[in-house]
């Protein structure tokens, strides 16, 4: 995809990550869907890394992850940040194989939702002594399905924005 609006996307990604982290820690825990919750920041990180590139995905992961770490009481700072950065890197690497399409973003989001939750529980087991039984595969599966639906919406919006504002060069009439 064309990268004509890079100077604008990184600050918007940082601001968007702050807002997404606030929504994920305040609003989304109050709205369970069959007992599962969407991972808004994970989805935004994966889709941004696939559709827009590594820099945008890493900004979403770092700023949003740090904000979630700061807003979650009792969690060591850096747990969510590190996990999101690793998953964002995997998303970007997978985009080199599967492409930068909406379908790729949706499918990769489903797979990386599993990877994210496994990595997060392993880090929390090692740092906080959380019981490994806290990993519920049924809820992770439901969350991954929710993340897929969310990824379809986010990818559609990002691709539309990229098409609309991505190229700074305009065709001119030859005189």
N, C-alpha and C. Protein backbone atom coordinates (compact mmCIF):
# COMPACT_ATOMS: atom_id res chain seq x y z
N UNK A 1 0.84 -1.18 0.00
CA UNK A 1 0.00 0.00 0.00
C UNK A 1 0.88 1.24 0.00
N UNK A 2 0.37 2.29 -0.52
CA UNK A 2 1.10 3.55 -0.56
C UNK A 2 1.25 4.09 0.84
N UNK A 3 2.38 4.71 1.09
CA UNK A 3 2.64 5.24 2.43
C UNK A 3 2.77 6.75 2.36
N UNK A 4 1.83 7.41 1.74
CA UNK A 4 1.91 8.84 1.53
C UNK A 4 1.55 9.68 2.74
N UNK A 5 0.91 9.15 3.73
CA UNK A 5 0.47 9.95 4.86
C UNK A 5 1.11 9.50 6.16
N UNK A 6 2.36 9.02 6.09
CA UNK A 6 3.08 8.53 7.25
C UNK A 6 3.22 9.58 8.34
N UNK A 7 3.50 10.82 7.96
CA UNK A 7 3.69 11.86 8.96
C UNK A 7 2.44 12.06 9.80
N UNK A 8 1.30 11.73 9.28
CA UNK A 8 0.06 11.90 10.01
C UNK A 8 -0.35 10.64 10.76
N UNK A 9 0.00 9.45 10.27
CA UNK A 9 -0.51 8.23 10.87
C UNK A 9 0.12 7.92 12.22
N UNK A 10 1.39 8.20 12.42
CA UNK A 10 2.02 7.83 13.68
C UNK A 10 1.45 8.60 14.87
N UNK A 11 1.28 9.94 14.78
CA UNK A 11 0.62 10.62 15.91
C UNK A 11 -0.83 10.17 16.11
N UNK A 12 -1.54 9.90 15.02
CA UNK A 12 -2.90 9.41 15.15
C UNK A 12 -2.93 8.01 15.77
N UNK A 13 -1.95 7.19 15.44
CA UNK A 13 -1.86 5.86 16.04
C UNK A 13 -1.61 5.98 17.54
N UNK A 14 -0.74 6.90 17.95
CA UNK A 14 -0.47 7.08 19.38
C UNK A 14 -1.72 7.55 20.12
N UNK A 15 -2.40 8.52 19.56
CA UNK A 15 -3.63 9.01 20.18
C UNK A 15 -4.71 7.92 20.18
N UNK A 16 -4.83 7.22 19.08
CA UNK A 16 -5.80 6.13 19.00
C UNK A 16 -5.50 5.03 20.00
N UNK A 17 -4.22 4.74 20.21
CA UNK A 17 -3.83 3.70 21.17
C UNK A 17 -4.21 4.11 22.59
N UNK A 18 -4.05 5.37 22.92
CA UNK A 18 -4.45 5.86 24.24
C UNK A 18 -5.95 5.70 24.45
N UNK A 19 -6.72 6.10 23.45
CA UNK A 19 -8.18 6.00 23.54
C UNK A 19 -8.60 4.53 23.60
N UNK A 20 -7.99 3.69 22.77
CA UNK A 20 -8.33 2.26 22.76
C UNK A 20 -8.01 1.61 24.10
N UNK A 21 -6.88 1.97 24.70
CA UNK A 21 -6.51 1.42 26.01
C UNK A 21 -7.52 1.84 27.07
N UNK A 22 -7.94 3.08 27.02
CA UNK A 22 -8.96 3.54 27.97
C UNK A 22 -10.27 2.78 27.80
N UNK A 23 -10.67 2.59 26.55
CA UNK A 23 -11.91 1.85 26.28
C UNK A 23 -11.78 0.40 26.73
N UNK A 24 -10.61 -0.20 26.45
CA UNK A 24 -10.41 -1.61 26.79
C UNK A 24 -10.39 -1.85 28.30
N UNK A 25 -9.92 -0.89 29.06
CA UNK A 25 -9.84 -1.08 30.51
C UNK A 25 -11.07 -0.59 31.26
N UNK A 26 -11.90 0.23 30.63
CA UNK A 26 -13.05 0.78 31.35
C UNK A 26 -14.38 0.27 30.82
N UNK A 27 -14.61 0.36 29.53
CA UNK A 27 -15.92 0.03 28.96
C UNK A 27 -16.06 -1.45 28.64
N UNK A 28 -15.09 -2.01 27.93
CA UNK A 28 -15.22 -3.39 27.45
C UNK A 28 -15.37 -4.44 28.55
N UNK A 29 -14.74 -4.30 29.74
CA UNK A 29 -14.98 -5.30 30.79
C UNK A 29 -16.43 -5.33 31.28
N UNK A 30 -17.19 -4.30 30.99
CA UNK A 30 -18.59 -4.26 31.40
C UNK A 30 -19.52 -4.88 30.36
N UNK A 31 -18.98 -5.28 29.20
CA UNK A 31 -19.81 -5.81 28.11
C UNK A 31 -19.30 -7.18 27.67
N UNK A 32 -19.50 -8.22 28.48
CA UNK A 32 -19.07 -9.55 28.04
C UNK A 32 -19.99 -10.08 26.94
N UNK A 33 -19.40 -10.78 26.00
CA UNK A 33 -20.15 -11.42 24.92
C UNK A 33 -19.98 -12.93 25.11
N UNK A 34 -21.00 -13.58 25.63
CA UNK A 34 -20.95 -15.00 26.00
C UNK A 34 -19.80 -15.28 26.95
N UNK A 35 -19.48 -14.33 27.82
CA UNK A 35 -18.43 -14.48 28.80
C UNK A 35 -17.05 -14.06 28.33
N UNK A 36 -16.90 -13.76 27.05
CA UNK A 36 -15.60 -13.35 26.50
C UNK A 36 -15.60 -11.85 26.23
N UNK A 37 -14.41 -11.30 26.14
CA UNK A 37 -14.25 -9.87 25.89
C UNK A 37 -13.38 -9.66 24.65
N UNK A 38 -13.69 -8.64 23.88
CA UNK A 38 -12.82 -8.35 22.73
C UNK A 38 -11.50 -7.75 23.21
N UNK A 39 -10.45 -8.04 22.48
CA UNK A 39 -9.13 -7.46 22.75
C UNK A 39 -8.94 -6.34 21.74
N UNK A 40 -9.44 -5.17 22.05
CA UNK A 40 -9.45 -4.05 21.12
C UNK A 40 -8.04 -3.66 20.71
N UNK A 41 -7.16 -3.51 21.65
CA UNK A 41 -5.81 -3.06 21.33
C UNK A 41 -5.03 -4.12 20.56
N UNK A 42 -5.22 -5.36 20.90
CA UNK A 42 -4.59 -6.44 20.14
C UNK A 42 -5.05 -6.40 18.69
N UNK A 43 -6.34 -6.27 18.49
CA UNK A 43 -6.88 -6.24 17.14
C UNK A 43 -6.36 -5.04 16.36
N UNK A 44 -6.34 -3.88 16.99
CA UNK A 44 -5.83 -2.68 16.32
C UNK A 44 -4.35 -2.82 15.99
N UNK A 45 -3.58 -3.41 16.88
CA UNK A 45 -2.15 -3.61 16.64
C UNK A 45 -1.92 -4.54 15.45
N UNK A 46 -2.61 -5.67 15.45
CA UNK A 46 -2.43 -6.66 14.38
C UNK A 46 -2.86 -6.09 13.03
N UNK A 47 -4.02 -5.47 12.99
CA UNK A 47 -4.53 -4.94 11.72
C UNK A 47 -3.65 -3.79 11.23
N UNK A 48 -3.22 -2.91 12.12
CA UNK A 48 -2.35 -1.81 11.70
C UNK A 48 -1.02 -2.34 11.18
N UNK A 49 -0.46 -3.35 11.84
CA UNK A 49 0.82 -3.91 11.38
C UNK A 49 0.68 -4.56 10.01
N UNK A 50 -0.45 -5.18 9.75
CA UNK A 50 -0.64 -5.85 8.47
C UNK A 50 -0.98 -4.85 7.37
N UNK A 51 -1.94 -3.98 7.63
CA UNK A 51 -2.45 -3.09 6.59
C UNK A 51 -1.55 -1.88 6.38
N UNK A 52 -1.05 -1.29 7.46
CA UNK A 52 -0.33 -0.02 7.36
C UNK A 52 1.18 -0.13 7.49
N UNK A 53 1.66 -1.18 8.12
CA UNK A 53 3.10 -1.37 8.23
C UNK A 53 3.58 -1.52 9.65
N UNK A 54 4.85 -1.82 9.77
CA UNK A 54 5.46 -2.12 11.07
C UNK A 54 5.42 -0.93 12.02
N UNK A 55 5.74 0.27 11.53
CA UNK A 55 5.81 1.43 12.42
C UNK A 55 4.47 1.70 13.09
N UNK A 56 3.41 1.70 12.31
CA UNK A 56 2.08 1.95 12.88
C UNK A 56 1.69 0.87 13.88
N UNK A 57 1.94 -0.38 13.54
CA UNK A 57 1.62 -1.47 14.46
C UNK A 57 2.38 -1.37 15.76
N UNK A 58 3.64 -1.00 15.69
CA UNK A 58 4.45 -0.88 16.90
C UNK A 58 4.03 0.30 17.77
N UNK A 59 3.58 1.38 17.14
CA UNK A 59 3.08 2.52 17.93
C UNK A 59 1.81 2.12 18.67
N UNK A 60 0.89 1.44 17.96
CA UNK A 60 -0.32 0.96 18.63
C UNK A 60 0.05 0.05 19.79
N UNK A 61 0.99 -0.87 19.58
CA UNK A 61 1.37 -1.84 20.61
C UNK A 61 2.05 -1.18 21.79
N UNK A 62 3.01 -0.30 21.53
CA UNK A 62 3.79 0.27 22.63
C UNK A 62 2.96 1.24 23.47
N UNK A 63 2.35 2.21 22.82
CA UNK A 63 1.61 3.23 23.56
C UNK A 63 0.39 2.61 24.25
N UNK A 64 -0.35 1.81 23.52
CA UNK A 64 -1.54 1.18 24.10
C UNK A 64 -1.20 0.18 25.19
N UNK A 65 -0.17 -0.63 24.95
CA UNK A 65 0.24 -1.61 25.96
C UNK A 65 0.72 -0.95 27.23
N UNK A 66 1.49 0.10 27.09
CA UNK A 66 1.97 0.82 28.28
C UNK A 66 0.80 1.44 29.04
N UNK A 67 -0.16 1.99 28.32
CA UNK A 67 -1.33 2.59 28.96
C UNK A 67 -2.15 1.53 29.70
N UNK A 68 -2.33 0.36 29.09
CA UNK A 68 -3.07 -0.72 29.77
C UNK A 68 -2.30 -1.17 31.01
N UNK A 69 -0.98 -1.29 30.90
CA UNK A 69 -0.17 -1.67 32.06
C UNK A 69 -0.34 -0.67 33.21
N UNK A 70 -0.39 0.61 32.86
CA UNK A 70 -0.54 1.64 33.89
C UNK A 70 -1.95 1.65 34.49
N UNK A 71 -2.95 1.28 33.70
CA UNK A 71 -4.33 1.33 34.17
C UNK A 71 -4.78 0.05 34.87
N UNK A 72 -4.00 -1.02 34.77
CA UNK A 72 -4.38 -2.28 35.39
C UNK A 72 -3.66 -2.41 36.74
N UNK A 73 -4.41 -2.35 37.83
CA UNK A 73 -3.79 -2.42 39.15
C UNK A 73 -3.13 -3.78 39.40
N UNK A 74 -1.97 -3.75 39.99
CA UNK A 74 -1.28 -4.97 40.38
C UNK A 74 -0.52 -5.66 39.27
N UNK A 75 -0.56 -5.16 38.07
CA UNK A 75 0.16 -5.78 36.97
C UNK A 75 1.50 -5.08 36.81
N UNK A 76 2.58 -5.86 36.64
CA UNK A 76 3.88 -5.22 36.41
C UNK A 76 3.87 -4.42 35.10
N UNK A 77 4.50 -3.28 35.15
CA UNK A 77 4.55 -2.44 33.95
C UNK A 77 5.42 -3.13 32.91
N UNK A 78 4.90 -3.23 31.71
CA UNK A 78 5.64 -3.81 30.60
C UNK A 78 5.13 -5.15 30.14
N UNK A 79 4.27 -5.80 30.92
CA UNK A 79 3.77 -7.13 30.54
C UNK A 79 2.95 -7.03 29.25
N UNK A 80 1.95 -6.17 29.26
CA UNK A 80 1.10 -6.02 28.08
C UNK A 80 1.89 -5.41 26.92
N UNK A 81 2.75 -4.46 27.24
CA UNK A 81 3.55 -3.79 26.21
C UNK A 81 4.42 -4.80 25.47
N UNK A 82 5.14 -5.62 26.23
CA UNK A 82 6.03 -6.61 25.61
C UNK A 82 5.23 -7.61 24.78
N UNK A 83 4.13 -8.09 25.31
CA UNK A 83 3.33 -9.08 24.61
C UNK A 83 2.76 -8.50 23.31
N UNK A 84 2.24 -7.28 23.38
CA UNK A 84 1.69 -6.65 22.18
C UNK A 84 2.78 -6.36 21.14
N UNK A 85 3.96 -5.95 21.59
CA UNK A 85 5.04 -5.71 20.64
C UNK A 85 5.45 -6.99 19.92
N UNK A 86 5.54 -8.09 20.65
CA UNK A 86 5.89 -9.37 20.03
C UNK A 86 4.82 -9.82 19.04
N UNK A 87 3.56 -9.69 19.43
CA UNK A 87 2.48 -10.09 18.54
C UNK A 87 2.40 -9.16 17.33
N UNK A 88 2.64 -7.87 17.53
CA UNK A 88 2.66 -6.93 16.40
C UNK A 88 3.77 -7.27 15.41
N UNK A 89 4.93 -7.66 15.92
CA UNK A 89 6.02 -8.09 15.05
C UNK A 89 5.67 -9.34 14.28
N UNK A 90 5.01 -10.29 14.94
CA UNK A 90 4.56 -11.50 14.25
C UNK A 90 3.52 -11.18 13.18
N UNK A 91 2.65 -10.21 13.47
CA UNK A 91 1.64 -9.81 12.49
C UNK A 91 2.30 -9.22 11.26
N UNK A 92 3.29 -8.35 11.46
CA UNK A 92 3.97 -7.76 10.33
C UNK A 92 4.71 -8.82 9.52
N UNK A 93 5.38 -9.74 10.21
CA UNK A 93 6.09 -10.82 9.51
C UNK A 93 5.12 -11.69 8.71
N UNK A 94 3.96 -11.96 9.29
CA UNK A 94 2.99 -12.78 8.57
C UNK A 94 2.41 -12.05 7.37
N UNK A 95 2.36 -10.71 7.44
CA UNK A 95 1.84 -9.96 6.28
C UNK A 95 2.74 -10.09 5.07
N UNK A 96 4.01 -10.38 5.31
CA UNK A 96 4.94 -10.60 4.20
C UNK A 96 4.64 -11.92 3.48
N UNK A 97 4.00 -12.84 4.19
CA UNK A 97 3.69 -14.14 3.61
C UNK A 97 2.27 -14.15 3.03
N UNK A 98 1.30 -13.65 3.79
CA UNK A 98 -0.11 -13.76 3.38
C UNK A 98 -0.63 -12.52 2.66
N UNK A 99 0.11 -11.44 2.69
CA UNK A 99 -0.31 -10.22 2.02
C UNK A 99 -0.91 -9.20 2.97
N UNK A 100 -1.28 -8.06 2.41
CA UNK A 100 -1.79 -6.95 3.20
C UNK A 100 -3.26 -6.70 2.89
N UNK A 101 -4.04 -7.75 2.85
CA UNK A 101 -5.45 -7.65 2.51
C UNK A 101 -6.32 -7.70 3.76
N UNK A 102 -7.58 -7.39 3.58
CA UNK A 102 -8.54 -7.44 4.68
C UNK A 102 -8.68 -8.87 5.18
N UNK A 103 -8.79 -9.83 4.26
CA UNK A 103 -8.93 -11.24 4.64
C UNK A 103 -7.72 -11.71 5.44
N UNK A 104 -6.53 -11.31 5.01
CA UNK A 104 -5.32 -11.68 5.74
C UNK A 104 -5.35 -11.12 7.15
N UNK A 105 -5.78 -9.87 7.30
CA UNK A 105 -5.85 -9.25 8.62
C UNK A 105 -6.81 -10.00 9.53
N UNK A 106 -7.94 -10.43 8.98
CA UNK A 106 -8.95 -11.14 9.78
C UNK A 106 -8.43 -12.50 10.22
N UNK A 107 -7.85 -13.25 9.29
CA UNK A 107 -7.36 -14.59 9.60
C UNK A 107 -6.18 -14.53 10.57
N UNK A 108 -5.25 -13.64 10.32
CA UNK A 108 -4.09 -13.52 11.20
C UNK A 108 -4.51 -13.06 12.60
N UNK A 109 -5.52 -12.20 12.69
CA UNK A 109 -6.01 -11.76 13.99
C UNK A 109 -6.52 -12.95 14.80
N UNK A 110 -7.23 -13.86 14.15
CA UNK A 110 -7.72 -15.05 14.85
C UNK A 110 -6.56 -15.86 15.41
N UNK A 111 -5.57 -16.15 14.57
CA UNK A 111 -4.43 -16.95 15.03
C UNK A 111 -3.61 -16.26 16.09
N UNK A 112 -3.37 -14.97 15.91
CA UNK A 112 -2.53 -14.25 16.88
C UNK A 112 -3.28 -13.95 18.17
N UNK A 113 -4.60 -14.05 18.17
CA UNK A 113 -5.33 -13.93 19.43
C UNK A 113 -4.94 -15.07 20.37
N UNK A 114 -4.81 -16.26 19.81
CA UNK A 114 -4.36 -17.42 20.60
C UNK A 114 -2.93 -17.22 21.08
N UNK A 115 -2.06 -16.81 20.17
CA UNK A 115 -0.65 -16.60 20.53
C UNK A 115 -0.55 -15.54 21.63
N UNK A 116 -1.29 -14.46 21.50
CA UNK A 116 -1.28 -13.39 22.48
C UNK A 116 -1.68 -13.89 23.86
N UNK A 117 -2.76 -14.64 23.95
CA UNK A 117 -3.23 -15.10 25.26
C UNK A 117 -2.29 -16.12 25.88
N UNK A 118 -1.71 -16.98 25.06
CA UNK A 118 -0.74 -17.94 25.60
C UNK A 118 0.50 -17.20 26.12
N UNK A 119 1.01 -16.25 25.32
CA UNK A 119 2.19 -15.49 25.76
C UNK A 119 1.88 -14.69 27.02
N UNK A 120 0.71 -14.07 27.07
CA UNK A 120 0.34 -13.25 28.22
C UNK A 120 0.23 -14.09 29.48
N UNK A 121 -0.39 -15.26 29.39
CA UNK A 121 -0.52 -16.10 30.59
C UNK A 121 0.83 -16.64 31.03
N UNK A 122 1.71 -16.96 30.09
CA UNK A 122 3.05 -17.44 30.45
C UNK A 122 3.82 -16.34 31.18
N UNK A 123 3.77 -15.13 30.66
CA UNK A 123 4.46 -14.01 31.31
C UNK A 123 3.87 -13.75 32.69
N UNK A 124 2.55 -13.80 32.82
CA UNK A 124 1.92 -13.56 34.12
C UNK A 124 2.22 -14.70 35.11
N UNK A 125 2.34 -15.92 34.61
CA UNK A 125 2.72 -17.04 35.49
C UNK A 125 4.13 -16.82 36.01
N UNK A 126 5.03 -16.39 35.13
CA UNK A 126 6.43 -16.20 35.53
C UNK A 126 6.64 -14.97 36.41
N UNK A 127 5.86 -13.92 36.20
CA UNK A 127 6.10 -12.68 36.95
C UNK A 127 5.18 -12.50 38.15
N UNK A 128 3.96 -12.95 38.05
CA UNK A 128 2.97 -12.69 39.09
C UNK A 128 2.53 -13.94 39.84
N UNK A 129 2.94 -15.10 39.38
CA UNK A 129 2.52 -16.33 40.03
C UNK A 129 1.07 -16.69 39.76
N UNK A 130 0.52 -16.19 38.65
CA UNK A 130 -0.85 -16.52 38.28
C UNK A 130 -0.92 -18.00 37.96
N UNK A 131 -2.00 -18.66 38.37
CA UNK A 131 -2.16 -20.09 38.12
C UNK A 131 -2.37 -20.33 36.62
N UNK A 132 -1.76 -21.38 36.11
CA UNK A 132 -1.90 -21.72 34.70
C UNK A 132 -3.36 -22.06 34.37
N UNK A 133 -4.14 -22.41 35.37
CA UNK A 133 -5.56 -22.70 35.16
C UNK A 133 -6.37 -21.47 34.78
N UNK A 134 -5.76 -20.30 34.84
CA UNK A 134 -6.46 -19.07 34.44
C UNK A 134 -6.68 -19.03 32.93
N UNK A 135 -6.00 -19.89 32.19
CA UNK A 135 -6.17 -19.95 30.75
C UNK A 135 -7.39 -20.79 30.43
N UNK A 136 -8.42 -20.17 29.87
CA UNK A 136 -9.65 -20.86 29.51
C UNK A 136 -9.75 -20.87 27.98
N UNK A 137 -9.53 -22.03 27.38
CA UNK A 137 -9.48 -22.13 25.92
C UNK A 137 -10.82 -21.76 25.28
N UNK A 138 -11.94 -22.05 25.94
CA UNK A 138 -13.25 -21.71 25.39
C UNK A 138 -13.41 -20.20 25.28
N UNK A 139 -13.00 -19.48 26.33
CA UNK A 139 -13.11 -18.02 26.31
C UNK A 139 -12.12 -17.39 25.32
N UNK A 140 -10.95 -18.00 25.18
CA UNK A 140 -9.99 -17.49 24.20
C UNK A 140 -10.53 -17.70 22.79
N UNK A 141 -11.16 -18.84 22.54
CA UNK A 141 -11.76 -19.10 21.24
C UNK A 141 -12.86 -18.08 20.93
N UNK A 142 -13.76 -17.87 21.89
CA UNK A 142 -14.83 -16.88 21.69
C UNK A 142 -14.25 -15.48 21.49
N UNK A 143 -13.23 -15.14 22.28
CA UNK A 143 -12.58 -13.84 22.12
C UNK A 143 -11.92 -13.70 20.76
N UNK A 144 -11.32 -14.78 20.28
CA UNK A 144 -10.69 -14.75 18.96
C UNK A 144 -11.72 -14.54 17.86
N UNK A 145 -12.90 -15.14 18.01
CA UNK A 145 -13.97 -14.92 17.04
C UNK A 145 -14.45 -13.46 17.06
N UNK A 146 -14.57 -12.91 18.26
CA UNK A 146 -14.96 -11.51 18.40
C UNK A 146 -13.90 -10.61 17.77
N UNK A 147 -12.63 -10.93 18.04
CA UNK A 147 -11.53 -10.16 17.47
C UNK A 147 -11.53 -10.22 15.94
N UNK A 148 -11.90 -11.37 15.39
CA UNK A 148 -12.00 -11.49 13.92
C UNK A 148 -13.03 -10.53 13.36
N UNK A 149 -14.20 -10.49 13.98
CA UNK A 149 -15.25 -9.58 13.51
C UNK A 149 -14.80 -8.13 13.64
N UNK A 150 -14.17 -7.82 14.74
CA UNK A 150 -13.65 -6.47 14.95
C UNK A 150 -12.55 -6.15 13.94
N UNK A 151 -11.70 -7.13 13.64
CA UNK A 151 -10.63 -6.93 12.67
C UNK A 151 -11.17 -6.63 11.27
N UNK A 152 -12.28 -7.26 10.92
CA UNK A 152 -12.89 -6.99 9.61
C UNK A 152 -13.32 -5.53 9.52
N UNK A 153 -13.91 -5.02 10.58
CA UNK A 153 -14.34 -3.61 10.60
C UNK A 153 -13.15 -2.66 10.57
N UNK A 154 -12.15 -2.94 11.40
CA UNK A 154 -10.98 -2.06 11.49
C UNK A 154 -10.20 -2.08 10.19
N UNK A 155 -10.01 -3.27 9.60
CA UNK A 155 -9.27 -3.37 8.34
C UNK A 155 -9.99 -2.63 7.22
N UNK A 156 -11.31 -2.73 7.19
CA UNK A 156 -12.08 -2.02 6.17
C UNK A 156 -11.88 -0.52 6.31
N UNK A 157 -11.93 -0.04 7.54
CA UNK A 157 -11.75 1.40 7.77
C UNK A 157 -10.34 1.86 7.42
N UNK A 158 -9.33 1.11 7.84
CA UNK A 158 -7.94 1.50 7.55
C UNK A 158 -7.62 1.44 6.06
N UNK A 159 -8.13 0.44 5.38
CA UNK A 159 -7.90 0.34 3.94
C UNK A 159 -8.59 1.49 3.22
N UNK A 160 -9.79 1.83 3.64
CA UNK A 160 -10.50 2.96 3.03
C UNK A 160 -9.74 4.27 3.26
N UNK A 161 -9.23 4.46 4.48
CA UNK A 161 -8.45 5.67 4.76
C UNK A 161 -7.16 5.70 3.95
N UNK A 162 -6.53 4.56 3.82
CA UNK A 162 -5.29 4.47 3.05
C UNK A 162 -5.55 4.79 1.58
N UNK A 163 -6.65 4.27 1.05
CA UNK A 163 -6.98 4.55 -0.35
C UNK A 163 -7.32 6.02 -0.55
N UNK A 164 -7.99 6.60 0.42
CA UNK A 164 -8.43 7.99 0.28
C UNK A 164 -7.29 8.97 0.46
N UNK A 165 -6.47 8.75 1.47
CA UNK A 165 -5.43 9.72 1.81
C UNK A 165 -4.02 9.21 1.58
N UNK A 166 -3.86 7.97 1.12
CA UNK A 166 -2.54 7.36 1.03
C UNK A 166 -1.60 7.97 0.02
N UNK A 167 -2.07 8.38 -1.09
CA UNK A 167 -1.18 8.90 -2.11
C UNK A 167 -1.26 10.41 -2.17
N UNK A 168 -0.12 11.06 -2.06
CA UNK A 168 -0.07 12.51 -2.12
C UNK A 168 0.04 13.01 -3.56
N UNK A 169 0.37 12.10 -4.46
CA UNK A 169 0.51 12.49 -5.86
C UNK A 169 -0.87 12.47 -6.54
N UNK A 170 -1.19 13.50 -7.20
CA UNK A 170 -2.45 13.57 -7.92
C UNK A 170 -2.15 13.58 -9.42
N UNK A 171 -3.01 12.93 -10.15
CA UNK A 171 -2.84 12.95 -11.59
C UNK A 171 -3.19 14.33 -12.12
N UNK A 172 -2.40 14.79 -13.03
CA UNK A 172 -2.64 16.10 -13.62
C UNK A 172 -2.91 15.94 -15.11
N UNK A 173 -3.67 16.83 -15.62
CA UNK A 173 -3.93 16.84 -17.05
C UNK A 173 -2.70 17.31 -17.78
N UNK A 174 -2.30 16.56 -18.78
CA UNK A 174 -1.12 16.98 -19.57
C UNK A 174 -1.51 18.14 -20.46
N UNK A 175 -0.82 19.25 -20.34
CA UNK A 175 -1.11 20.44 -21.17
C UNK A 175 -0.23 20.43 -22.34
